[in-house]
Amino acid sequence: AAASAEGGKLPDPLQVSLAKCAANEMAKRVTDMAMQLHGGNGYTEEYGIERLHRDAHGWAIAGGTPNMQRIRIVSELLGRKFNQRA
């Protein structure tokens, strides 16, 4: 998705959804692990991990939740639309 955006054209929606879903899941996993490794200190503002943790979970909502991204991915792969509110 990033490579096609650098070329000056809009990236494929499938590539965007795949990238957003993978990056967000990894960010949440990594920050969760960092919080656990730092124990109680991970929750303090002193280390900044709590901010990264909040951001990672907040980014999941921006531009569509991971479930919405998965629906978009399946929709693109199967070539049909799904009702996201059903």
C-alpha atoms as a PDB file:
ATOM      1  CA  ALA A   1       0.000   0.000   0.000  1.00  0.00           C
ATOM      2  CA  ALA A   2       2.801   2.411   0.900  1.00  0.00           C
ATOM      3  CA  ALA A   3       4.778   1.598  -2.259  1.00  0.00           C
ATOM      4  CA  SER A   4       1.855   2.426  -4.538  1.00  0.00           C
ATOM      5  CA  ALA A   5       1.158   5.620  -2.581  1.00  0.00           C
ATOM      6  CA  GLU A   6       4.777   6.699  -3.096  1.00  0.00           C
ATOM      7  CA  GLY A   7       4.292   6.228  -6.834  1.00  0.00           C
ATOM      8  CA  GLY A   8       1.705   9.009  -6.782  1.00  0.00           C
ATOM      9  CA  LYS A   9      -1.358   6.831  -7.250  1.00  0.00           C
ATOM     10  CA  LEU A  10      -3.987   5.733  -4.778  1.00  0.00           C
ATOM     11  CA  PRO A  11      -3.270   2.363  -3.154  1.00  0.00           C
ATOM     12  CA  ASP A  12      -5.553  -0.603  -3.692  1.00  0.00           C
ATOM     13  CA  PRO A  13      -8.266  -0.775  -0.973  1.00  0.00           C
ATOM     14  CA  LEU A  14      -7.377  -4.414  -0.323  1.00  0.00           C
ATOM     15  CA  GLN A  15      -3.735  -3.501   0.310  1.00  0.00           C
ATOM     16  CA  VAL A  16      -4.767  -0.667   2.612  1.00  0.00           C
ATOM     17  CA  SER A  17      -7.068  -2.897   4.668  1.00  0.00           C
ATOM     18  CA  LEU A  18      -4.444  -5.640   4.919  1.00  0.00           C
ATOM     19  CA  ALA A  19      -1.769  -3.163   6.017  1.00  0.00           C
ATOM     20  CA  LYS A  20      -4.021  -1.420   8.557  1.00  0.00           C
ATOM     21  CA  CYS A  21      -5.250  -4.672  10.054  1.00  0.00           C
ATOM     22  CA  ALA A  22      -1.770  -6.226  10.342  1.00  0.00           C
ATOM     23  CA  ALA A  23      -0.098  -3.066  11.662  1.00  0.00           C
ATOM     24  CA  ASN A  24      -2.788  -2.436  14.243  1.00  0.00           C
ATOM     25  CA  GLU A  25      -2.842  -5.996  15.540  1.00  0.00           C
ATOM     26  CA  MET A  26       0.959  -5.971  15.857  1.00  0.00           C
ATOM     27  CA  ALA A  27       0.992  -2.570  17.601  1.00  0.00           C
ATOM     28  CA  LYS A  28      -1.540  -3.801  20.159  1.00  0.00           C
ATOM     29  CA  ARG A  29       0.376  -7.035  20.705  1.00  0.00           C
ATOM     30  CA  VAL A  30       3.736  -5.277  21.140  1.00  0.00           C
ATOM     31  CA  THR A  31       2.426  -2.603  23.508  1.00  0.00           C
ATOM     32  CA  ASP A  32       0.554  -5.210  25.571  1.00  0.00           C
ATOM     33  CA  MET A  33       3.812  -7.142  25.918  1.00  0.00           C
ATOM     34  CA  ALA A  34       5.720  -3.972  26.834  1.00  0.00           C
ATOM     35  CA  MET A  35       3.170  -3.175  29.537  1.00  0.00           C
ATOM     36  CA  GLN A  36       3.554  -6.668  30.985  1.00  0.00           C
ATOM     37  CA  LEU A  37       7.358  -6.535  30.858  1.00  0.00           C
ATOM     38  CA  HIS A  38       7.430  -3.232  32.730  1.00  0.00           C
ATOM     39  CA  GLY A  39       4.901  -4.352  35.322  1.00  0.00           C
ATOM     40  CA  GLY A  40       3.399  -1.511  37.342  1.00  0.00           C
ATOM     41  CA  ASN A  41       5.846   0.992  35.837  1.00  0.00           C
ATOM     42  CA  GLY A  42       4.302   0.395  32.434  1.00  0.00           C
ATOM     43  CA  TYR A  43       1.157   2.152  33.616  1.00  0.00           C
ATOM     44  CA  THR A  44       2.962   5.334  34.656  1.00  0.00           C
ATOM     45  CA  GLU A  45       3.488   8.306  32.376  1.00  0.00           C
ATOM     46  CA  GLU A  46       7.198   8.276  33.231  1.00  0.00           C
ATOM     47  CA  TYR A  47       8.049   5.584  30.673  1.00  0.00           C
ATOM     48  CA  GLY A  48       5.611   6.569  27.930  1.00  0.00           C
ATOM     49  CA  ILE A  49       4.489   3.007  27.358  1.00  0.00           C
ATOM     50  CA  GLU A  50       1.000   3.726  28.625  1.00  0.00           C
ATOM     51  CA  ARG A  51       0.627   6.395  25.918  1.00  0.00           C
ATOM     52  CA  LEU A  52       1.761   4.021  23.183  1.00  0.00           C
ATOM     53  CA  HIS A  53      -0.639   1.407  24.547  1.00  0.00           C
ATOM     54  CA  ARG A  54      -3.564   3.842  24.499  1.00  0.00           C
ATOM     55  CA  ASP A  55      -2.637   5.043  21.016  1.00  0.00           C
ATOM     56  CA  ALA A  56      -2.407   1.495  19.652  1.00  0.00           C
ATOM     57  CA  HIS A  57      -5.881   0.681  20.934  1.00  0.00           C
ATOM     58  CA  GLY A  58      -7.273   4.034  19.758  1.00  0.00           C
ATOM     59  CA  TRP A  59      -5.845   3.676  16.256  1.00  0.00           C
ATOM     60  CA  ALA A  60      -7.939   0.531  15.859  1.00  0.00           C
ATOM     61  CA  ILE A  61     -11.045   2.695  15.664  1.00  0.00           C
ATOM     62  CA  ALA A  62      -9.719   5.318  13.237  1.00  0.00           C
ATOM     63  CA  GLY A  63     -10.474   4.464   9.631  1.00  0.00           C
ATOM     64  CA  GLY A  64     -12.524   1.416  10.524  1.00  0.00           C
ATOM     65  CA  THR A  65     -12.297  -1.185  13.249  1.00  0.00           C
ATOM     66  CA  PRO A  66     -10.292  -4.378  12.646  1.00  0.00           C
ATOM     67  CA  ASN A  67     -13.557  -6.258  12.082  1.00  0.00           C
ATOM     68  CA  MET A  68     -14.615  -3.735   9.440  1.00  0.00           C
ATOM     69  CA  GLN A  69     -11.201  -4.123   7.787  1.00  0.00           C
ATOM     70  CA  ARG A  70     -11.590  -7.910   7.762  1.00  0.00           C
ATOM     71  CA  ILE A  71     -15.021  -7.576   6.156  1.00  0.00           C
ATOM     72  CA  ARG A  72     -13.512  -5.279   3.515  1.00  0.00           C
ATOM     73  CA  ILE A  73     -10.683  -7.773   2.869  1.00  0.00           C
ATOM     74  CA  VAL A  74     -13.082 -10.689   2.407  1.00  0.00           C
ATOM     75  CA  SER A  75     -15.359  -8.522   0.276  1.00  0.00           C
ATOM     76  CA  GLU A  76     -12.467  -7.595  -2.037  1.00  0.00           C
ATOM     77  CA  LEU A  77     -11.217 -11.183  -2.267  1.00  0.00           C
ATOM     78  CA  LEU A  78     -14.653 -12.646  -3.009  1.00  0.00           C
ATOM     79  CA  GLY A  79     -15.769  -9.777  -5.215  1.00  0.00           C
ATOM     80  CA  ARG A  80     -19.016  -9.123  -3.369  1.00  0.00           C
ATOM     81  CA  LYS A  81     -20.329  -6.719  -0.756  1.00  0.00           C
ATOM     82  CA  PHE A  82     -21.374  -7.647   2.755  1.00  0.00           C
ATOM     83  CA  ASN A  83     -23.734  -5.765   5.049  1.00  0.00           C
ATOM     84  CA  GLN A  84     -21.524  -4.568   7.910  1.00  0.00           C
ATOM     85  CA  ARG A  85     -24.503  -3.797  10.120  1.00  0.00           C
ATOM     86  CA  ALA A  86     -26.059  -7.259   9.965  1.00  0.00           C
END
